[in-house]
N, C-alpha and C. Protein backbone atom coordinates (compact mmCIF):
# COMPACT_ATOMS: atom_id res chain seq x y z
N MET A 1 0.71 -1.10 -0.10
CA MET A 1 0.35 -0.05 -0.33
C MET A 1 0.79 1.31 -0.16
N LYS A 2 1.99 1.17 0.60
CA LYS A 2 2.78 2.43 0.66
C LYS A 2 3.39 2.74 -0.52
N GLN A 3 3.42 2.16 -1.61
CA GLN A 3 3.60 2.67 -2.92
C GLN A 3 2.97 3.30 -3.94
N CYS A 4 1.36 2.93 -2.95
CA CYS A 4 0.34 3.55 -4.07
C CYS A 4 0.26 5.08 -3.46
N ARG A 5 -0.23 5.85 -4.68
CA ARG A 5 -0.19 7.14 -4.74
C ARG A 5 -1.29 7.76 -3.58
N LEU A 6 -2.10 7.05 -3.47
CA LEU A 6 -2.86 7.61 -2.45
C LEU A 6 -2.50 7.55 -1.28
N TYR A 7 -1.71 6.98 -0.81
CA TYR A 7 -0.97 6.89 0.56
C TYR A 7 -0.13 8.03 0.72
N LYS A 8 0.83 7.82 -0.93
CA LYS A 8 1.76 9.10 -0.94
C LYS A 8 1.64 10.39 -1.03
N ALA A 9 0.08 10.62 -1.59
CA ALA A 9 -0.12 12.11 -2.02
C ALA A 9 -1.92 12.06 -1.79
N PRO A 10 -2.42 11.68 -0.64
CA PRO A 10 -3.99 11.87 -0.57
C PRO A 10 -4.59 12.42 -1.55
N GLU A 11 -4.26 14.06 -1.04
CA GLU A 11 -4.65 15.35 -1.18
C GLU A 11 -5.06 15.40 -2.89
N GLU A 12 -3.85 15.27 -3.44
CA GLU A 12 -3.16 15.25 -4.96
C GLU A 12 -4.26 14.45 -5.55
N THR A 13 -4.25 13.00 -4.98
CA THR A 13 -5.11 12.01 -5.74
C THR A 13 -6.62 12.05 -5.56
N LEU A 14 -7.16 12.58 -4.31
CA LEU A 14 -8.84 12.81 -4.35
C LEU A 14 -9.18 14.32 -5.05
N ALA A 15 -8.41 14.99 -5.55
CA ALA A 15 -8.64 15.94 -6.68
C ALA A 15 -8.48 15.14 -7.68
N LEU A 16 -8.49 14.28 -8.34
CA LEU A 16 -8.36 14.18 -9.33
C LEU A 16 -9.79 13.15 -9.57
N PRO A 17 -10.28 13.28 -10.85
CA PRO A 17 -11.97 12.52 -11.09
C PRO A 17 -11.41 11.35 -10.73
N MET A 18 -12.25 10.30 -9.90
CA MET A 18 -12.24 9.47 -9.58
C MET A 18 -11.78 7.95 -10.67
N ASP A 19 -12.52 8.21 -11.66
CA ASP A 19 -11.93 7.65 -12.83
C ASP A 19 -10.80 7.69 -13.83
N GLU A 20 -9.76 8.53 -13.12
CA GLU A 20 -8.50 8.82 -13.41
C GLU A 20 -7.69 8.14 -12.64
N ALA A 21 -8.15 8.20 -11.34
CA ALA A 21 -7.25 7.74 -10.43
C ALA A 21 -7.20 6.12 -10.07
N PHE A 22 -8.68 6.02 -10.58
CA PHE A 22 -9.05 4.43 -9.89
C PHE A 22 -9.66 3.77 -11.11
N THR A 23 -9.71 2.53 -11.19
CA THR A 23 -10.64 1.66 -12.14
C THR A 23 -11.53 1.18 -10.91
N LEU A 24 -13.19 1.19 -11.47
CA LEU A 24 -13.87 0.55 -10.73
C LEU A 24 -14.58 -0.93 -10.99
N LEU A 25 -14.21 -1.61 -9.78
CA LEU A 25 -14.61 -3.10 -9.84
C LEU A 25 -16.21 -3.61 -9.80
N LYS A 26 -16.47 -2.69 -8.61
CA LYS A 26 -17.87 -2.96 -8.05
C LYS A 26 -18.66 -1.96 -7.54
N GLU A 27 -19.77 -2.20 -7.54
CA GLU A 27 -20.92 -0.58 -7.13
C GLU A 27 -21.78 -1.16 -5.91
N ARG A 28 -22.08 -0.20 -5.13
CA ARG A 28 -23.05 -0.54 -4.16
C ARG A 28 -23.84 1.14 -4.00
N ASP A 29 -25.22 0.90 -4.70
CA ASP A 29 -25.52 2.54 -4.69
C ASP A 29 -26.92 2.44 -3.65
N GLY A 30 -26.78 3.48 -3.06
CA GLY A 30 -28.29 3.88 -2.34
C GLY A 30 -28.46 5.33 -1.83
N SER A 31 -29.53 5.71 -1.55
CA SER A 31 -29.98 6.83 -1.76
C SER A 31 -29.02 7.88 -0.51
N HIS A 32 -28.38 7.65 0.59
CA HIS A 32 -27.45 8.32 1.14
C HIS A 32 -25.99 7.36 1.77
N GLU A 33 -26.26 6.10 1.35
CA GLU A 33 -25.02 5.40 1.88
C GLU A 33 -24.66 4.67 0.23
N TRP A 34 -23.82 4.92 -0.11
CA TRP A 34 -22.70 4.35 -1.33
C TRP A 34 -21.34 3.60 -1.11
N GLY A 35 -21.22 2.50 -2.15
CA GLY A 35 -19.23 2.20 -2.21
C GLY A 35 -19.33 1.45 -3.43
N TYR A 36 -17.86 1.50 -3.21
CA TYR A 36 -17.49 1.08 -4.51
C TYR A 36 -16.30 0.21 -4.23
N ILE A 37 -16.29 -1.08 -5.03
CA ILE A 37 -14.47 -1.38 -4.57
C ILE A 37 -13.93 -0.98 -6.25
N LEU A 38 -12.55 -0.26 -5.86
CA LEU A 38 -11.65 0.55 -6.58
C LEU A 38 -10.49 -0.45 -6.50
N ALA A 39 -9.69 -0.30 -7.99
CA ALA A 39 -8.35 -0.42 -8.02
C ALA A 39 -7.32 0.81 -8.35
N CYS A 40 -6.42 1.02 -8.10
CA CYS A 40 -5.65 1.96 -8.43
C CYS A 40 -4.80 1.76 -9.89
N ARG A 41 -5.19 2.96 -10.58
CA ARG A 41 -4.84 3.01 -12.15
C ARG A 41 -2.87 2.61 -11.70
N ASP A 42 -2.52 3.14 -10.93
CA ASP A 42 -0.87 3.16 -11.14
C ASP A 42 -0.50 1.78 -10.34
N CYS A 43 -0.82 1.59 -9.37
CA CYS A 43 -0.21 0.33 -8.89
C CYS A 43 -1.06 -1.12 -8.77
N GLY A 44 -2.14 -0.80 -8.52
CA GLY A 44 -3.20 -2.15 -8.82
C GLY A 44 -3.93 -2.32 -7.32
N GLN A 45 -3.61 -1.12 -6.24
CA GLN A 45 -3.84 -1.47 -4.98
C GLN A 45 -5.45 -1.60 -5.10
N HIS A 46 -6.01 -2.31 -3.99
CA HIS A 46 -7.69 -2.58 -4.10
C HIS A 46 -7.77 -1.68 -3.06
N PHE A 47 -9.05 -0.87 -2.88
CA PHE A 47 -9.96 -0.09 -2.01
C PHE A 47 -11.05 -0.43 -1.98
N VAL A 48 -11.70 -0.49 -0.80
CA VAL A 48 -13.01 -0.09 -0.54
C VAL A 48 -13.57 1.24 -0.21
N PHE A 49 -14.20 1.96 -1.13
CA PHE A 49 -14.72 3.27 -0.91
C PHE A 49 -15.96 3.07 0.03
N ASP A 50 -16.27 3.94 0.51
CA ASP A 50 -17.81 3.93 1.19
C ASP A 50 -17.89 5.39 1.72
N ALA A 51 -19.22 5.83 1.47
CA ALA A 51 -19.75 7.50 1.53
C ALA A 51 -21.03 7.24 2.25
N VAL A 52 -21.03 8.44 3.26
CA VAL A 52 -22.52 8.30 4.04
C VAL A 52 -22.75 9.72 3.89
N GLU A 53 -24.06 10.38 3.34
CA GLU A 53 -24.39 11.21 3.44
C GLU A 53 -25.39 11.47 5.02
N ILE A 54 -25.27 12.58 5.32
CA ILE A 54 -25.98 12.76 6.69
C ILE A 54 -26.51 13.88 6.57
N VAL A 55 -28.00 13.80 6.07
CA VAL A 55 -29.06 15.06 5.74
C VAL A 55 -28.94 16.11 6.84
N ASP A 56 -29.15 17.32 6.02
CA ASP A 56 -29.42 18.35 7.18
C ASP A 56 -30.61 18.89 6.78
N PHE A 57 -31.74 18.70 7.65
CA PHE A 57 -33.16 18.99 7.20
C PHE A 57 -33.39 20.33 7.67
N VAL A 58 -32.82 21.00 8.32
CA VAL A 58 -32.91 22.33 8.64
C VAL A 58 -32.55 23.36 7.83
N GLY A 59 -31.13 23.24 7.54
CA GLY A 59 -30.34 24.18 6.61
C GLY A 59 -29.65 23.66 5.39
N GLY A 60 -30.11 22.63 4.88
CA GLY A 60 -29.36 22.03 4.03
C GLY A 60 -28.19 21.45 3.48
N ASP A 61 -27.21 21.68 4.37
CA ASP A 61 -25.86 21.29 4.55
C ASP A 61 -25.71 19.82 4.87
N ASP A 62 -25.73 19.22 3.99
CA ASP A 62 -25.42 17.53 4.35
C ASP A 62 -24.14 17.36 4.43
N ALA A 63 -23.50 16.62 5.36
CA ALA A 63 -22.46 16.52 5.69
C ALA A 63 -22.03 14.81 4.95
N LEU A 64 -21.05 14.94 4.93
CA LEU A 64 -20.60 13.61 4.08
C LEU A 64 -19.11 12.87 4.56
N TYR A 65 -18.93 11.72 4.45
CA TYR A 65 -18.26 11.25 5.51
C TYR A 65 -17.51 9.58 4.16
N ILE A 66 -16.53 9.71 3.61
CA ILE A 66 -16.02 9.11 3.06
C ILE A 66 -14.74 8.14 3.47
N SER A 67 -14.91 6.81 3.39
CA SER A 67 -13.54 5.90 3.89
C SER A 67 -13.06 5.66 2.36
N TYR A 68 -11.57 5.47 2.83
CA TYR A 68 -10.57 4.39 1.45
C TYR A 68 -10.05 3.64 2.25
N ILE A 69 -10.70 2.23 2.14
CA ILE A 69 -9.84 1.28 2.86
C ILE A 69 -9.10 0.25 2.11
N PRO A 70 -8.11 0.19 2.32
CA PRO A 70 -7.02 -0.58 1.25
C PRO A 70 -7.21 -2.26 1.73
N ALA A 71 -7.33 -3.06 0.63
CA ALA A 71 -7.47 -4.32 0.77
C ALA A 71 -6.45 -5.09 0.36
N ALA A 72 -5.98 -6.20 1.02
CA ALA A 72 -4.74 -6.63 0.36
C ALA A 72 -5.08 -7.01 -1.13
N ASP A 73 -6.51 -7.74 -1.55
CA ASP A 73 -6.51 -8.24 -2.89
C ASP A 73 -7.95 -8.31 -3.04
N LEU A 74 -8.27 -8.72 -3.80
CA LEU A 74 -10.17 -8.35 -4.59
C LEU A 74 -10.69 -9.13 -3.78
N ALA A 75 -10.32 -10.38 -3.09
CA ALA A 75 -11.40 -11.29 -2.07
C ALA A 75 -11.28 -10.45 -0.84
N GLU A 76 -10.03 -9.95 -0.25
CA GLU A 76 -10.41 -9.06 0.91
C GLU A 76 -11.39 -7.59 1.14
N ALA A 77 -11.26 -7.27 -0.40
CA ALA A 77 -12.07 -6.30 -0.95
C ALA A 77 -13.57 -6.75 -0.81
N GLU A 78 -13.63 -7.66 -1.77
CA GLU A 78 -14.90 -8.24 -1.30
C GLU A 78 -15.67 -8.33 -0.05
N ARG A 79 -14.97 -9.21 1.11
CA ARG A 79 -15.41 -9.29 1.86
C ARG A 79 -15.61 -7.95 2.89
N ILE A 80 -14.76 -7.15 3.30
CA ILE A 80 -14.86 -5.54 3.53
C ILE A 80 -15.86 -4.95 3.22
N PHE A 81 -16.55 -5.22 1.76
CA PHE A 81 -17.27 -4.59 0.95
C PHE A 81 -18.70 -4.77 1.84
N GLU A 82 -18.75 -5.90 2.29
CA GLU A 82 -20.31 -6.41 2.76
C GLU A 82 -20.34 -6.52 4.14
N LEU A 83 -19.39 -5.19 4.39
CA LEU A 83 -19.83 -5.07 6.23
C LEU A 83 -20.42 -3.45 5.95
N SER A 84 -20.97 -3.41 6.77
CA SER A 84 -21.90 -2.04 7.11
C SER A 84 -21.04 -1.04 7.50
N PRO A 85 -21.71 0.27 7.21
CA PRO A 85 -21.06 1.34 7.66
C PRO A 85 -20.37 1.37 8.62
N TRP A 86 -20.79 1.34 10.27
CA TRP A 86 -20.30 1.41 11.32
C TRP A 86 -19.45 0.27 11.69
N GLU A 87 -19.34 -0.86 10.92
CA GLU A 87 -18.33 -1.97 11.01
C GLU A 87 -17.02 -1.38 10.22
N LEU A 88 -17.11 -0.89 9.19
CA LEU A 88 -16.12 -0.26 8.67
C LEU A 88 -15.23 1.07 9.06
N LEU A 89 -15.73 1.70 10.10
CA LEU A 89 -15.24 2.44 10.91
C LEU A 89 -14.10 1.93 11.74
N LYS A 90 -14.02 0.66 12.20
CA LYS A 90 -13.72 -0.28 13.11
C LYS A 90 -12.33 -0.66 12.21
N ILE A 91 -11.92 -0.67 11.04
CA ILE A 91 -10.87 -0.88 10.03
C ILE A 91 -9.78 0.02 9.94
N ARG A 92 -8.66 -0.45 10.33
CA ARG A 92 -7.47 0.51 10.43
C ARG A 92 -6.31 -0.60 9.05
N PRO A 93 -5.90 0.29 8.47
CA PRO A 93 -5.53 1.56 8.27
C PRO A 93 -6.65 1.69 7.59
N ALA A 94 -7.18 3.48 7.05
CA ALA A 94 -8.42 3.88 6.21
C ALA A 94 -8.08 5.11 6.16
N LEU A 95 -8.12 5.29 5.03
CA LEU A 95 -7.75 7.38 4.83
C LEU A 95 -9.71 7.84 4.82
N ARG A 96 -9.33 8.41 5.72
CA ARG A 96 -10.70 9.36 5.79
C ARG A 96 -11.10 10.99 5.40
N LYS A 97 -12.05 10.99 4.71
CA LYS A 97 -12.25 12.23 4.13
C LYS A 97 -13.69 12.68 4.49
N ASP A 98 -13.65 13.43 5.50
CA ASP A 98 -14.76 13.77 6.65
C ASP A 98 -15.21 15.63 5.95
N PHE A 99 -16.35 16.10 5.56
CA PHE A 99 -17.06 16.94 5.49
C PHE A 99 -17.89 17.17 6.13
N PRO A 100 -18.33 17.57 7.04
CA PRO A 100 -19.50 17.59 8.35
C PRO A 100 -19.90 19.18 7.94
N THR A 101 -21.56 19.24 8.26
CA THR A 101 -22.05 20.28 8.25
C THR A 101 -21.20 21.43 8.81
N GLY A 102 -21.66 22.69 7.92
CA GLY A 102 -20.56 23.80 8.65
C GLY A 102 -19.33 23.79 8.45
N ALA A 103 -18.74 22.77 7.73
CA ALA A 103 -17.15 23.06 7.67
C ALA A 103 -17.09 23.86 6.16
N SER A 104 -15.98 24.57 5.93
CA SER A 104 -15.71 25.21 4.58
C SER A 104 -14.88 24.47 3.67
N LYS A 105 -14.43 23.13 4.06
CA LYS A 105 -13.94 22.44 3.29
C LYS A 105 -13.40 21.03 4.20
N PRO A 106 -13.19 20.20 3.55
CA PRO A 106 -13.04 18.58 3.62
C PRO A 106 -11.70 18.40 4.65
N THR A 107 -11.87 17.62 5.42
CA THR A 107 -10.54 17.07 6.31
C THR A 107 -10.32 15.85 5.69
N ILE A 108 -8.97 15.59 5.34
CA ILE A 108 -8.51 14.42 4.65
C ILE A 108 -7.25 13.53 5.74
N THR A 109 -7.28 12.64 6.18
CA THR A 109 -6.49 11.96 7.16
C THR A 109 -6.39 10.65 6.96
N TRP A 110 -5.23 9.78 7.19
CA TRP A 110 -5.02 8.44 7.23
C TRP A 110 -5.20 8.16 8.88
N VAL A 111 -5.86 7.00 8.95
CA VAL A 111 -6.48 6.47 10.69
C VAL A 111 -5.84 5.43 10.24
N PHE A 112 -4.66 4.93 11.14
CA PHE A 112 -4.00 4.11 11.56
C PHE A 112 -4.05 3.48 12.61
């Protein structure tokens, strides 16, 4: 994983359109929670991408919480992909991109 550009330069990598940085292998779509299994276009590293949107019914400033979880291979990515958003929060390492309600920009942090 340390060879992957997402590890070395997360802000630069996440600034790219997703299809430039990753190949989409599997998709799960929901109204406020969605996910993908991705492979880095540079090194082939597999990631589970999970996004959860928390609706702000008062001000319309919805919070968005995204995780990129590295997986050893496609089989491990498939296993991780089936976990709930709450279970995914326990997995380390993970790259978190948090954009809470009221924030002017997201924070991007590796959690180990």
